[in-house]
Protein backbone atom coordinates (compact mmCIF):
# COMPACT_ATOMS: atom_id res chain seq x y z
CA MET A 1 30.15 54.14 -6.38
CA GLU A 2 30.87 57.53 -4.82
CA GLU A 3 28.36 59.51 -6.88
CA ASP A 4 25.98 61.65 -4.83
CA PHE A 5 23.22 61.79 -7.47
CA PRO A 6 20.63 59.21 -8.60
CA ARG A 7 20.71 57.35 -11.91
CA VAL A 8 18.02 55.84 -14.13
CA THR A 9 18.61 52.38 -15.58
CA LEU A 10 16.84 51.86 -18.89
CA SER A 11 16.99 49.88 -22.10
CA PHE A 12 15.75 50.27 -25.64
CA TYR A 13 16.15 48.68 -29.04
CA ARG A 14 15.04 49.32 -32.58
CA TYR A 15 15.41 47.36 -35.79
CA VAL A 16 16.12 50.09 -38.32
CA ILE A 17 18.56 50.58 -41.19
CA VAL A 18 21.75 52.25 -39.95
CA ALA A 19 23.68 53.42 -43.01
CA ASP A 20 27.02 53.86 -41.23
CA PRO A 21 27.19 51.92 -37.92
CA GLN A 22 30.69 53.15 -37.08
CA LEU A 23 29.68 56.79 -37.54
CA MET A 24 26.58 56.20 -35.42
CA ARG A 25 28.69 54.54 -32.75
CA ASP A 26 31.19 57.41 -32.62
CA THR A 27 28.44 60.05 -32.53
CA LEU A 28 26.59 58.33 -29.71
CA TRP A 29 29.85 57.95 -27.79
CA ARG A 30 30.56 61.68 -27.93
CA GLU A 31 27.01 62.68 -27.02
CA TRP A 32 26.46 60.19 -24.23
CA SER A 33 29.89 60.32 -22.59
CA ALA A 34 29.43 64.11 -22.28
CA MET A 35 26.39 63.37 -20.08
CA ASN A 36 28.23 60.75 -18.00
CA VAL A 37 26.05 57.96 -19.38
CA PHE A 38 27.18 54.38 -18.70
CA GLY A 39 26.01 51.20 -20.39
CA ARG A 40 26.46 48.46 -22.98
CA ILE A 41 25.28 49.28 -26.50
CA TYR A 42 25.47 47.35 -29.79
CA VAL A 43 25.10 49.10 -33.14
CA ALA A 44 24.68 47.22 -36.43
CA LYS A 45 23.34 47.85 -39.92
CA GLU A 46 20.07 46.29 -38.71
CA GLY A 47 19.62 48.64 -35.73
CA ILE A 48 20.63 49.34 -32.14
CA ASN A 49 20.29 47.51 -28.82
CA ALA A 50 21.07 49.55 -25.71
CA GLN A 51 21.17 49.04 -21.94
CA LEU A 52 22.04 52.22 -20.08
CA SER A 53 22.49 54.06 -16.81
CA VAL A 54 21.71 57.78 -17.14
CA PRO A 55 22.23 60.45 -14.44
CA GLU A 56 18.75 61.57 -13.42
CA HIS A 57 19.61 65.25 -13.91
CA TYR A 58 20.56 64.51 -17.54
CA PHE A 59 17.56 62.30 -18.31
CA GLN A 60 15.52 64.86 -20.29
CA ALA A 61 18.58 66.04 -22.21
CA PHE A 62 19.42 62.41 -22.98
CA ARG A 63 15.89 61.78 -24.27
CA MET A 64 16.19 64.81 -26.57
CA LYS A 65 19.60 63.69 -27.88
CA VAL A 66 18.23 60.24 -28.68
CA ASP A 67 15.25 61.77 -30.50
CA ASP A 68 17.62 63.94 -32.57
CA HIS A 69 18.61 60.79 -34.46
CA VAL A 70 16.00 59.97 -37.09
CA GLU A 71 16.74 56.26 -36.61
CA LEU A 72 15.85 56.52 -32.91
CA LYS A 73 13.09 59.14 -32.89
CA ASP A 74 10.49 58.28 -30.19
CA VAL A 75 12.05 54.88 -29.47
CA PRO A 76 10.31 53.47 -26.36
CA PHE A 77 12.39 53.43 -23.18
CA LYS A 78 12.02 50.50 -20.77
CA ILE A 79 12.72 51.83 -17.28
CA ALA A 80 14.02 49.48 -14.57
CA VAL A 81 11.64 48.81 -11.69
CA GLU A 82 14.48 48.15 -9.23
CA ASP A 83 17.38 50.54 -9.53
CA ASP A 84 20.05 51.52 -7.04
CA GLY A 85 22.08 53.29 -9.73
CA LYS A 86 24.74 50.59 -9.82
CA SER A 87 23.82 48.78 -13.02
CA PHE A 88 26.77 49.90 -15.17
CA PHE A 89 30.12 51.50 -14.38
CA ARG A 90 31.39 52.57 -17.81
CA LEU A 91 30.19 53.28 -21.33
CA THR A 92 30.80 50.61 -23.97
CA ILE A 93 29.47 51.00 -27.52
CA LYS A 94 30.41 48.35 -30.07
CA VAL A 95 29.70 47.82 -33.75
CA ARG A 96 28.41 44.31 -34.40
CA GLU A 97 27.09 42.29 -37.31
CA LYS A 98 23.75 41.97 -35.48
CA ILE A 99 22.28 43.59 -32.39
CA VAL A 100 21.40 40.11 -31.05
CA ALA A 101 23.39 37.02 -32.07
CA ASP A 102 20.73 34.72 -33.53
CA GLY A 103 22.57 32.68 -36.15
CA LEU A 104 19.81 33.30 -38.72
CA ASP A 105 20.03 34.21 -42.38
CA ASP A 106 17.83 37.30 -42.41
CA ASN A 107 17.48 37.05 -46.19
CA ALA A 108 15.70 33.71 -45.82
CA PHE A 109 12.52 35.16 -44.29
CA ASP A 110 10.66 38.43 -43.70
CA VAL A 111 12.15 39.75 -40.46
CA THR A 112 9.60 42.60 -40.40
CA ASN A 113 6.60 40.21 -40.24
CA VAL A 114 6.62 40.07 -36.44
CA GLY A 115 4.01 38.86 -33.97
CA ASN A 116 1.26 40.93 -32.34
CA HIS A 117 2.48 43.11 -29.47
CA LEU A 118 0.49 42.62 -26.26
CA THR A 119 0.29 44.84 -23.18
CA ALA A 120 0.57 43.33 -19.70
CA ILE A 121 -3.17 42.95 -19.23
CA GLU A 122 -3.62 41.57 -22.77
CA PHE A 123 -0.82 39.07 -22.14
CA ASN A 124 -2.41 37.99 -18.86
CA ASP A 125 -5.81 37.56 -20.52
CA ALA A 126 -4.36 35.58 -23.43
CA MET A 127 -2.64 33.20 -20.99
CA GLU A 128 -6.06 32.22 -19.64
CA LYS A 129 -7.39 31.04 -23.00
CA PRO A 130 -7.46 27.23 -23.45
CA GLY A 131 -4.71 25.85 -25.64
CA THR A 132 -2.44 28.88 -25.36
CA ILE A 133 1.28 28.11 -25.29
CA VAL A 134 3.60 30.53 -23.46
CA VAL A 135 7.24 30.39 -24.56
CA ASP A 136 10.20 31.85 -22.67
CA MET A 137 12.70 33.09 -25.27
CA ARG A 138 15.54 33.47 -22.79
CA ASN A 139 18.42 31.24 -21.71
CA HIS A 140 18.01 28.63 -18.97
CA TYR A 141 19.91 30.62 -16.33
CA GLU A 142 17.48 33.52 -16.87
CA SER A 143 14.29 31.45 -16.55
CA GLU A 144 15.70 29.55 -13.57
CA VAL A 145 15.20 32.54 -11.25
CA GLY A 146 11.92 33.81 -12.72
CA HIS A 147 9.38 33.02 -15.41
CA PHE A 148 5.69 33.15 -16.31
CA THR A 149 3.55 30.40 -14.81
CA ASN A 150 3.21 27.28 -16.98
CA ALA A 151 5.62 28.63 -19.59
CA LEU A 152 7.69 26.44 -21.89
CA LEU A 153 11.28 26.87 -20.63
CA PRO A 154 13.81 25.70 -23.24
CA GLN A 155 17.08 24.70 -21.56
CA SER A 156 19.35 26.58 -23.94
CA GLU A 157 22.70 28.27 -23.42
CA SER A 158 22.14 30.99 -26.02
CA PHE A 159 19.49 32.62 -28.20
CA ARG A 160 21.19 31.12 -31.27
CA GLU A 161 20.74 27.66 -29.77
CA GLU A 162 17.20 28.32 -28.56
CA LEU A 163 15.50 29.22 -31.86
CA PRO A 164 15.72 25.77 -33.51
CA LEU A 165 15.03 24.15 -30.12
CA VAL A 166 11.76 26.07 -29.72
CA LEU A 167 10.76 25.28 -33.29
CA ASP A 168 11.26 21.58 -32.61
CA GLN A 169 9.36 21.66 -29.30
CA LEU A 170 6.39 23.42 -30.92
CA LYS A 171 6.26 21.13 -33.96
CA GLY A 172 2.68 20.13 -34.80
CA GLN A 173 1.14 23.04 -32.85
CA GLU A 174 1.19 25.63 -35.62
CA ASP A 175 -2.52 26.41 -35.11
CA LYS A 176 -2.19 27.16 -31.38
CA LYS A 177 -1.98 30.66 -29.89
CA ILE A 178 1.68 31.32 -29.12
CA LEU A 179 2.73 33.89 -26.52
CA MET A 180 6.43 34.77 -26.46
CA TYR A 181 8.38 36.86 -23.98
CA CYS A 182 11.95 37.88 -23.20
CA THR A 183 13.74 40.50 -21.08
CA GLY A 184 13.07 43.67 -23.06
CA GLY A 185 11.43 42.44 -26.25
CA VAL A 186 14.32 42.48 -28.73
CA ARG A 187 14.75 38.69 -28.97
CA CYS A 188 11.02 38.20 -29.52
CA GLU A 189 11.05 40.54 -32.52
CA LYS A 190 13.23 38.15 -34.50
CA ALA A 191 11.84 34.97 -32.91
CA SER A 192 8.19 35.82 -33.67
CA ALA A 193 9.00 36.48 -37.33
CA TYR A 194 10.94 33.20 -37.39
CA LEU A 195 7.93 31.24 -36.11
CA LYS A 196 5.54 32.94 -38.53
CA HIS A 197 7.88 32.05 -41.37
CA HIS A 198 7.61 28.41 -40.25
CA GLY A 199 3.82 28.35 -40.42
CA PHE A 200 2.67 29.46 -36.98
CA LYS A 201 -0.50 31.49 -37.49
CA ASP A 202 -1.24 33.17 -34.14
CA VAL A 203 2.07 34.50 -32.83
CA ASN A 204 2.10 37.13 -30.08
CA GLN A 205 4.81 38.78 -28.03
CA LEU A 206 4.94 40.73 -24.78
CA TYR A 207 5.41 44.40 -25.59
CA GLY A 208 8.58 45.71 -23.95
CA GLY A 209 9.33 42.32 -22.44
CA ILE A 210 9.39 41.55 -18.73
CA ILE A 211 10.82 44.99 -17.94
CA GLU A 212 7.79 46.80 -19.34
CA TYR A 213 5.42 44.14 -17.97
CA ALA A 214 6.74 44.80 -14.45
CA ARG A 215 6.22 48.54 -14.87
CA GLN A 216 2.67 48.12 -16.16
CA ILE A 217 1.49 45.70 -13.47
CA LYS A 218 2.86 47.99 -10.77
CA GLN A 219 1.38 51.12 -12.32
CA GLN A 220 -2.02 49.57 -13.06
CA ASP A 221 -2.20 47.25 -10.02
CA ILE A 222 -2.47 44.14 -12.21
CA PRO A 223 -1.81 40.66 -10.72
CA SER A 224 1.57 39.34 -11.81
CA LYS A 225 1.66 36.05 -13.69
CA PHE A 226 5.44 36.31 -13.73
CA ILE A 227 6.98 34.83 -10.60
CA GLY A 228 10.42 35.48 -9.13
CA LYS A 229 13.19 37.67 -10.53
CA ASN A 230 13.85 39.06 -13.98
CA PHE A 231 17.48 38.32 -14.88
CA VAL A 232 19.17 41.42 -16.33
CA PHE A 233 22.52 41.74 -18.08
CA ASP A 234 24.15 44.36 -15.90
CA GLU A 235 25.87 44.52 -12.53
CA ARG A 236 22.59 43.87 -10.69
CA LEU A 237 21.98 40.51 -12.44
CA GLY A 238 18.31 40.66 -11.52
CA GLU A 239 15.21 42.72 -10.72
CA ARG A 240 12.70 41.28 -8.27
CA ILE A 241 9.17 41.12 -9.72
CA THR A 242 7.53 39.04 -6.97
CA ASP A 243 8.72 37.73 -3.60
CA ASP A 244 8.70 34.12 -4.86
CA ILE A 245 12.11 32.41 -4.76
CA ILE A 246 11.95 29.55 -7.25
CA ALA A 247 15.65 28.77 -7.72
CA HIS A 248 18.19 27.07 -5.46
CA CYS A 249 21.80 27.53 -4.43
CA HIS A 250 23.92 25.45 -6.81
CA GLN A 251 26.18 24.36 -3.96
CA CYS A 252 23.85 23.32 -1.13
CA GLY A 253 20.35 23.34 -2.64
CA LYS A 254 18.91 26.02 -0.36
CA LYS A 255 16.16 28.18 -1.92
CA TRP A 256 18.06 31.16 -3.31
CA ASP A 257 18.06 33.23 -6.50
CA HIS A 258 21.07 35.53 -6.41
CA HIS A 259 23.58 35.03 -9.24
CA ILE A 260 27.28 35.81 -8.97
CA ASN A 261 30.32 35.17 -11.14
CA CYS A 262 33.03 32.85 -9.89
CA GLY A 263 35.87 34.76 -8.23
CA ASN A 264 38.37 32.73 -10.25
CA THR A 265 38.69 35.09 -13.22
CA ASP A 266 39.85 32.24 -15.43
CA CYS A 267 36.53 30.53 -14.73
CA HIS A 268 34.13 33.44 -14.10
CA VAL A 269 31.18 31.05 -14.45
CA LEU A 270 27.74 32.42 -13.58
CA PHE A 271 26.09 30.52 -10.74
CA ILE A 272 23.73 30.86 -7.77
CA GLN A 273 25.32 30.93 -4.32
CA CYS A 274 23.67 31.51 -0.93
CA ASP A 275 25.28 33.51 1.88
CA GLU A 276 26.16 30.41 3.89
CA CYS A 277 28.08 28.86 0.98
CA LYS A 278 29.75 32.19 0.27
CA ALA A 279 31.00 32.23 3.88
CA LYS A 280 32.46 28.73 3.45
CA LEU A 281 33.88 28.93 -0.07
CA GLY A 282 34.12 32.61 -0.79
CA GLU A 283 32.70 33.74 -4.14
CA PHE A 284 33.92 30.61 -5.94
CA CYS A 285 31.87 27.97 -7.75
CA SER A 286 34.01 25.16 -6.28
CA ALA A 287 36.83 24.44 -3.84
CA GLU A 288 39.02 23.73 -6.87
CA CYS A 289 38.42 27.21 -8.23
CA ARG A 290 39.34 28.74 -4.90
CA THR A 291 42.57 26.71 -4.83
CA TYR A 292 43.38 27.66 -8.41
CA ALA A 293 42.80 31.37 -7.74
CA GLU A 294 45.39 31.22 -4.94
CA LEU A 295 48.12 29.90 -7.25
CA PRO A 296 50.96 32.28 -8.24
CA GLU A 297 50.10 34.46 -11.21
CA GLU A 298 52.90 33.00 -13.36
CA THR A 299 51.52 29.50 -12.79
CA ARG A 300 48.02 30.57 -13.79
CA VAL A 301 49.39 32.25 -16.93
CA GLN A 302 50.97 28.95 -17.98
CA LEU A 303 47.88 26.93 -17.17
CA ARG A 304 45.62 29.39 -18.99
CA LYS A 305 46.91 28.00 -22.27
CA GLU A 306 45.11 24.74 -21.46
CA ARG A 307 41.78 26.50 -20.99
CA LYS A 308 40.34 25.98 -24.47
CA ALA A 309 41.00 22.26 -24.33
CA VAL A 310 38.81 21.80 -21.24
CA ARG A 311 35.95 24.24 -21.94
CA GLY A 312 33.81 21.70 -23.74
CA GLY A 313 31.29 21.55 -20.89
CA SER A 314 28.50 23.97 -20.04
CA SER A 315 29.48 27.59 -19.55
CA TYR A 316 27.15 27.72 -16.57
CA GLY A 317 27.73 26.22 -13.13
CA GLY A 318 29.68 23.22 -11.91
CA GLY A 319 33.25 24.44 -12.40
CA HIS A 320 33.91 22.36 -15.57
CA PHE A 321 37.01 24.44 -16.33
CA SER A 322 38.30 24.85 -12.79
CA LYS A 323 38.21 21.21 -11.68
CA SER A 324 40.23 20.03 -14.65
CA ILE A 325 42.81 22.79 -14.55
CA ALA A 326 43.15 22.90 -10.76
CA ALA A 327 43.56 19.13 -10.54
CA LYS A 328 46.47 19.28 -12.98
CA ALA A 329 48.08 22.13 -11.06
CA LEU A 330 47.80 20.34 -7.72
CA LYS A 331 49.10 17.11 -9.21
CA LYS A 332 52.20 18.97 -10.37
CA GLY A 333 52.67 20.17 -6.80
CA GLU A 334 52.17 23.83 -7.70
């Protein structure tokens, strides 16, 4: 927060065979931490998925270091369109089974048989063709604040949950032109191959996702068919693409599209809260969460053990956890 130099927020991914993910992880850690790079990166045998914040004065050196790895040579960078340098505050690199949790058996279909990649202007033009179906391959809390006009918006909690849901919603439309999009493109790589495996003949995906789309429309002065904000998985929680506000405060219903996490760390639910509600409740999703957060730490430690038993509801909005736990605490006179 006290840095006196600018940063560049970017993301990239590549499906590529990584022979030794742990070695790759350790090498990247040494190289990138030396340049004060922050971010969240997943490395797996199937590739790498990275979201990063790079000091501007190290940007060229960082690009060269990335290109030094044969697995990442010339990997396209998606540069953020809105960036105040406060997207990440530390460097985290983890080895995972997959770079995106999709729940699929990759041996069951050809994961390399992906859809056609479309530029921003090609995507816009394809949307105008009769019978075209546009599919948002993101979670419901992402599409709530911004999406392409007339897109199919599956109300899923996770990518793993969304894939079979989309397949079911598109059943019987295998001959239609399908346009898919996501944040940076990585989810569409697997999803487009999944649809083609299930008989869809004309599958297309937005090259570089919404991040690259936003850059191209700005650079080329192309009308945006995406309205609102692009939800991003860093401290910013969103990049504004257009001035349209299409979401609402979850507490009062006012038009608003700024996400926050509940200030009750045992809840930490992601929700939309306007400034007026923040002034009344603080950064809490409910009055119960605020009450719970004010309990003595030892009481919360004891009650935390009950958390798993009451987390059966949605992980998004409404204080499902907090209301149950807080009610019990108050009933006990804590």
